[in-house]
Amino acid sequence: MKTVVFDLDGTLADTSGDLISAANACFRDMGAGDMLDPATDAATALRGGRAMLKLGMERWGKPADDPLIDEYYDALLYHYERDIDTHTVLYDGAMEAVAELKTRGYIVAICTNKPEGLAHQLLTRLGILGEFAAMLGADSLPVRKPDPEHLFETVRRAGGDPAQSLLVGDTVTDRDTSKAAERPSILVTFGPAGEDMSALAPEALLERYSDLPDLVETLLGRV
């Protein structure tokens, strides 16, 4: 069956505020104070914990390979898990689009590079875990995006056909995944890295979620 696979962070939900809050808690523990700004560092937040720690360390005048980055990574995950949904919000219209896709007969699933346990916890807190036929995280398989097997196995576990799937995402990682899988991608323009999406030349750009079901029909055909 035809399957629409979503990235999570920066695609379905803006999780940057809680990620930056967790990183700043680590920097306070180090004695550095808050080193990241939720208003300007959201794109870095969605690249992952180590990217945030690296940026903060550079601003603190520390080397990019400072061992504190590895030392505090688990602490960052602890802080994030404790307050995983304080600032996180679903993007406008996201779940309405998911519901419409399901009404039209598409399978929907999530393939994220967030650790599976954290993704499961966040989706549960947001009350939407049950809306998706499958969810695979960064540690669900021996590989992760941009390896295409991460996408393919998500589709299989959802009950779909990898050859009739597409990926909705917000980063070069998602675009590289779709290229490696030889499947189309739709990249959102409203995430923190939105202005860079057109340069990645996806099959479609998504400015608002209300347009998604029709874009999917154009790319995958009707069910």
Foldseek 3Di string as FASTA:
>chain_A
DAEEEEEPDQFFKPQQVLLLVLLQVLCVVVVNHRQDDSVQCSVQSQVDQLSNNLNSCVSVVHDSVPCVSVVCSVSSVVSCLVPVPVPMDTPPCSVVLLVVLVVLPHAYEYAYQPQPVSVVVVCVVVVHPVSHLYYDYNPNDPHGFLDLVSVQVRQVSSVHHLVNYEYEEADVRRLSNCVNSVAFYEHELPGPNNVCVVVSPTPYYHDDSVCPVVVSCVRRNGD
